[in-house]
Amino acid sequence: MSDLRMIISRIANPPVPATNRQEIHEALRKEYLDTIPSRLGLIAKFLGSYNWMAGDHLTYADFLVYDVLDFHRLLFNPKHFNGFPTLVAYMERFENLKGVKEFLVTMEKMPTNRPGVAFFGNSKDFKPKED
């Protein structure tokens, strides 16, 4: 998960001079798009038929996995999840956890430093591209 997180952060905020950041961002983003199905497939395979990453028990790992998957929804078109119903169900299950559901509602109203803010402003205003 940390590898995916680093890749996504690099795409959203490339460490390059401000003059061509958008151009670099788009190039990295397009390069990554082709790998999304295989990356999501690996996560879906690991999850299998379990509710959580550690089987039937929610753990800290689920918070990390959800965060990475949510970044994918934010930076890329959510349609990439269409072929992975277990991941869609996993994210819905996580989002409906007591406490998490209420937290996500408050997050919609807050400024964020999520990946993509440098290019898209506040994430609540961001609309994914049609990849």
C-alpha atoms as a PDB file:
ATOM      1  CA  MET A   1       0.000   0.000   0.000  1.00  0.00           C
ATOM      2  CA  SER A   2       2.793   2.425   0.772  1.00  0.00           C
ATOM      3  CA  ASP A   3       4.173   1.931  -2.756  1.00  0.00           C
ATOM      4  CA  LEU A   4       0.818   2.868  -4.270  1.00  0.00           C
ATOM      5  CA  ARG A   5       0.529   5.828  -1.929  1.00  0.00           C
ATOM      6  CA  MET A   6       3.965   7.099  -2.994  1.00  0.00           C
ATOM      7  CA  ILE A   7       3.157   6.698  -6.690  1.00  0.00           C
ATOM      8  CA  ILE A   8      -0.125   8.556  -6.315  1.00  0.00           C
ATOM      9  CA  SER A   9       1.529  11.345  -4.323  1.00  0.00           C
ATOM     10  CA  ARG A  10       4.189  11.674  -7.022  1.00  0.00           C
ATOM     11  CA  ILE A  11       1.513  11.945  -9.710  1.00  0.00           C
ATOM     12  CA  ALA A  12      -0.481  14.543  -7.776  1.00  0.00           C
ATOM     13  CA  ASN A  13       2.515  16.610  -6.701  1.00  0.00           C
ATOM     14  CA  PRO A  14       5.482  15.968  -8.997  1.00  0.00           C
ATOM     15  CA  PRO A  15       8.759  17.328  -7.581  1.00  0.00           C
ATOM     16  CA  VAL A  16       9.519  19.562 -10.545  1.00  0.00           C
ATOM     17  CA  PRO A  17       9.749  23.305 -11.129  1.00  0.00           C
ATOM     18  CA  ALA A  18       6.425  25.110 -11.122  1.00  0.00           C
ATOM     19  CA  THR A  19       6.696  26.013 -14.805  1.00  0.00           C
ATOM     20  CA  ASN A  20       5.880  22.520 -16.088  1.00  0.00           C
ATOM     21  CA  ARG A  21       4.220  20.781 -13.118  1.00  0.00           C
ATOM     22  CA  GLN A  22       0.903  20.338 -14.917  1.00  0.00           C
ATOM     23  CA  GLU A  23       2.592  18.818 -17.957  1.00  0.00           C
ATOM     24  CA  ILE A  24       4.593  16.365 -15.807  1.00  0.00           C
ATOM     25  CA  HIS A  25       1.490  15.553 -13.776  1.00  0.00           C
ATOM     26  CA  GLU A  26      -0.478  14.665 -16.905  1.00  0.00           C
ATOM     27  CA  ALA A  27       2.337  12.496 -18.276  1.00  0.00           C
ATOM     28  CA  LEU A  28       2.694  10.559 -15.005  1.00  0.00           C
ATOM     29  CA  ARG A  29      -1.073  10.233 -14.713  1.00  0.00           C
ATOM     30  CA  LYS A  30      -1.468   8.815 -18.235  1.00  0.00           C
ATOM     31  CA  GLU A  31       1.388   6.373 -17.645  1.00  0.00           C
ATOM     32  CA  TYR A  32      -0.260   5.123 -14.441  1.00  0.00           C
ATOM     33  CA  LEU A  33      -3.737   4.705 -15.970  1.00  0.00           C
ATOM     34  CA  ASP A  34      -2.761   1.521 -17.804  1.00  0.00           C
ATOM     35  CA  THR A  35      -1.679  -0.117 -14.549  1.00  0.00           C
ATOM     36  CA  ILE A  36      -4.830   0.608 -12.548  1.00  0.00           C
ATOM     37  CA  PRO A  37      -6.699  -2.638 -13.404  1.00  0.00           C
ATOM     38  CA  SER A  38      -3.772  -4.847 -12.405  1.00  0.00           C
ATOM     39  CA  ARG A  39      -3.136  -2.887  -9.201  1.00  0.00           C
ATOM     40  CA  LEU A  40      -6.788  -2.958  -8.157  1.00  0.00           C
ATOM     41  CA  GLY A  41      -6.916  -6.624  -9.152  1.00  0.00           C
ATOM     42  CA  LEU A  42      -4.113  -7.476  -6.724  1.00  0.00           C
ATOM     43  CA  ILE A  43      -5.940  -5.747  -3.884  1.00  0.00           C
ATOM     44  CA  ALA A  44      -9.217  -7.460  -4.793  1.00  0.00           C
ATOM     45  CA  LYS A  45      -7.475 -10.838  -4.938  1.00  0.00           C
ATOM     46  CA  PHE A  46      -5.921 -10.318  -1.501  1.00  0.00           C
ATOM     47  CA  LEU A  47      -9.299  -9.287  -0.056  1.00  0.00           C
ATOM     48  CA  GLY A  48     -10.977 -12.301  -1.621  1.00  0.00           C
ATOM     49  CA  SER A  49     -14.363 -13.024  -0.076  1.00  0.00           C
ATOM     50  CA  TYR A  50     -13.472 -11.526   3.306  1.00  0.00           C
ATOM     51  CA  ASN A  51     -15.030  -8.363   4.695  1.00  0.00           C
ATOM     52  CA  TRP A  52     -11.691  -6.864   5.749  1.00  0.00           C
ATOM     53  CA  MET A  53      -8.035  -7.197   4.853  1.00  0.00           C
ATOM     54  CA  ALA A  54      -7.395  -9.368   7.945  1.00  0.00           C
ATOM     55  CA  GLY A  55     -10.405 -11.587   7.342  1.00  0.00           C
ATOM     56  CA  ASP A  56     -13.435 -10.835   9.459  1.00  0.00           C
ATOM     57  CA  HIS A  57     -11.692  -8.320  11.706  1.00  0.00           C
ATOM     58  CA  LEU A  58     -11.341  -4.629  10.965  1.00  0.00           C
ATOM     59  CA  THR A  59      -7.750  -3.506  11.547  1.00  0.00           C
ATOM     60  CA  TYR A  60      -5.551  -0.479  10.998  1.00  0.00           C
ATOM     61  CA  ALA A  61      -4.623  -1.957   7.613  1.00  0.00           C
ATOM     62  CA  ASP A  62      -8.174  -1.347   6.412  1.00  0.00           C
ATOM     63  CA  PHE A  63      -7.804   2.373   7.078  1.00  0.00           C
ATOM     64  CA  LEU A  64      -4.633   2.439   4.959  1.00  0.00           C
ATOM     65  CA  VAL A  65      -6.168   0.391   2.153  1.00  0.00           C
ATOM     66  CA  TYR A  66      -9.326   2.497   2.111  1.00  0.00           C
ATOM     67  CA  ASP A  67      -7.237   5.672   1.954  1.00  0.00           C
ATOM     68  CA  VAL A  68      -5.294   4.432  -1.080  1.00  0.00           C
ATOM     69  CA  LEU A  69      -8.462   3.261  -2.830  1.00  0.00           C
ATOM     70  CA  ASP A  70     -10.155   6.581  -2.097  1.00  0.00           C
ATOM     71  CA  PHE A  71      -7.165   8.410  -3.619  1.00  0.00           C
ATOM     72  CA  HIS A  72      -7.727   6.352  -6.757  1.00  0.00           C
ATOM     73  CA  ARG A  73     -11.349   7.470  -6.871  1.00  0.00           C
ATOM     74  CA  LEU A  74     -10.298  11.080  -6.370  1.00  0.00           C
ATOM     75  CA  LEU A  75      -7.461  11.274  -8.904  1.00  0.00           C
ATOM     76  CA  PHE A  76      -8.813   8.897 -11.512  1.00  0.00           C
ATOM     77  CA  ASN A  77     -12.229   8.092 -12.842  1.00  0.00           C
ATOM     78  CA  PRO A  78     -14.260   5.947 -10.385  1.00  0.00           C
ATOM     79  CA  LYS A  79     -15.252   3.756 -13.357  1.00  0.00           C
ATOM     80  CA  HIS A  80     -11.949   1.914 -12.845  1.00  0.00           C
ATOM     81  CA  PHE A  81     -13.645   0.155  -9.922  1.00  0.00           C
ATOM     82  CA  ASN A  82     -16.466  -1.201 -12.117  1.00  0.00           C
ATOM     83  CA  GLY A  83     -14.676  -4.513 -12.674  1.00  0.00           C
ATOM     84  CA  PHE A  84     -14.047  -4.982  -8.965  1.00  0.00           C
ATOM     85  CA  PRO A  85     -17.363  -5.351  -7.131  1.00  0.00           C
ATOM     86  CA  THR A  86     -15.594  -6.690  -4.033  1.00  0.00           C
ATOM     87  CA  LEU A  87     -13.593  -3.456  -3.752  1.00  0.00           C
ATOM     88  CA  VAL A  88     -16.706  -1.342  -4.268  1.00  0.00           C
ATOM     89  CA  ALA A  89     -18.469  -3.312  -1.513  1.00  0.00           C
ATOM     90  CA  TYR A  90     -15.370  -3.044   0.698  1.00  0.00           C
ATOM     91  CA  MET A  91     -15.294   0.739   0.338  1.00  0.00           C
ATOM     92  CA  GLU A  92     -19.036   1.033   0.992  1.00  0.00           C
ATOM     93  CA  ARG A  93     -18.691  -1.190   4.062  1.00  0.00           C
ATOM     94  CA  PHE A  94     -15.840   0.974   5.348  1.00  0.00           C
ATOM     95  CA  GLU A  95     -17.674   4.233   4.621  1.00  0.00           C
ATOM     96  CA  ASN A  96     -20.696   3.006   6.578  1.00  0.00           C
ATOM     97  CA  LEU A  97     -18.775   2.160   9.739  1.00  0.00           C
ATOM     98  CA  LYS A  98     -20.047   4.012  12.793  1.00  0.00           C
ATOM     99  CA  GLY A  99     -17.845   7.042  13.249  1.00  0.00           C
ATOM    100  CA  VAL A 100     -16.325   6.839   9.775  1.00  0.00           C
ATOM    101  CA  LYS A 101     -19.626   7.773   8.136  1.00  0.00           C
ATOM    102  CA  GLU A 102     -19.970  10.860  10.328  1.00  0.00           C
ATOM    103  CA  PHE A 103     -16.320  11.782   9.824  1.00  0.00           C
ATOM    104  CA  LEU A 104     -16.613  11.613   6.032  1.00  0.00           C
ATOM    105  CA  VAL A 105     -19.571  14.008   6.144  1.00  0.00           C
ATOM    106  CA  THR A 106     -17.491  16.553   8.089  1.00  0.00           C
ATOM    107  CA  MET A 107     -14.520  16.065   5.721  1.00  0.00           C
ATOM    108  CA  GLU A 108     -16.644  17.172   2.770  1.00  0.00           C
ATOM    109  CA  LYS A 109     -16.841  20.610   4.367  1.00  0.00           C
ATOM    110  CA  MET A 110     -13.146  20.945   5.184  1.00  0.00           C
ATOM    111  CA  PRO A 111     -10.218  22.037   3.038  1.00  0.00           C
ATOM    112  CA  THR A 112      -7.910  19.141   2.338  1.00  0.00           C
ATOM    113  CA  ASN A 113      -4.334  18.345   1.450  1.00  0.00           C
ATOM    114  CA  ARG A 114      -5.279  15.130  -0.336  1.00  0.00           C
ATOM    115  CA  PRO A 115      -3.387  14.290  -3.546  1.00  0.00           C
ATOM    116  CA  GLY A 116      -4.474  16.507  -6.347  1.00  0.00           C
ATOM    117  CA  VAL A 117      -5.088  19.651  -4.344  1.00  0.00           C
ATOM    118  CA  ALA A 118      -2.178  21.377  -6.060  1.00  0.00           C
ATOM    119  CA  PHE A 119      -3.979  20.905  -9.361  1.00  0.00           C
ATOM    120  CA  PHE A 120      -7.639  20.671  -8.502  1.00  0.00           C
ATOM    121  CA  GLY A 121      -8.225  22.909  -5.491  1.00  0.00           C
ATOM    122  CA  ASN A 122     -10.368  21.538  -2.690  1.00  0.00           C
ATOM    123  CA  SER A 123     -11.219  17.872  -3.338  1.00  0.00           C
ATOM    124  CA  LYS A 124     -14.944  18.482  -2.837  1.00  0.00           C
ATOM    125  CA  ASP A 125     -14.845  20.643  -5.976  1.00  0.00           C
ATOM    126  CA  PHE A 126     -12.831  18.124  -7.996  1.00  0.00           C
ATOM    127  CA  LYS A 127     -14.511  16.149 -10.758  1.00  0.00           C
ATOM    128  CA  PRO A 128     -12.450  13.186 -12.085  1.00  0.00           C
ATOM    129  CA  LYS A 129     -11.503  13.201 -15.750  1.00  0.00           C
ATOM    130  CA  GLU A 130     -13.120  10.814 -18.157  1.00  0.00           C
ATOM    131  CA  ASP A 131     -10.151   8.455 -18.610  1.00  0.00           C
END
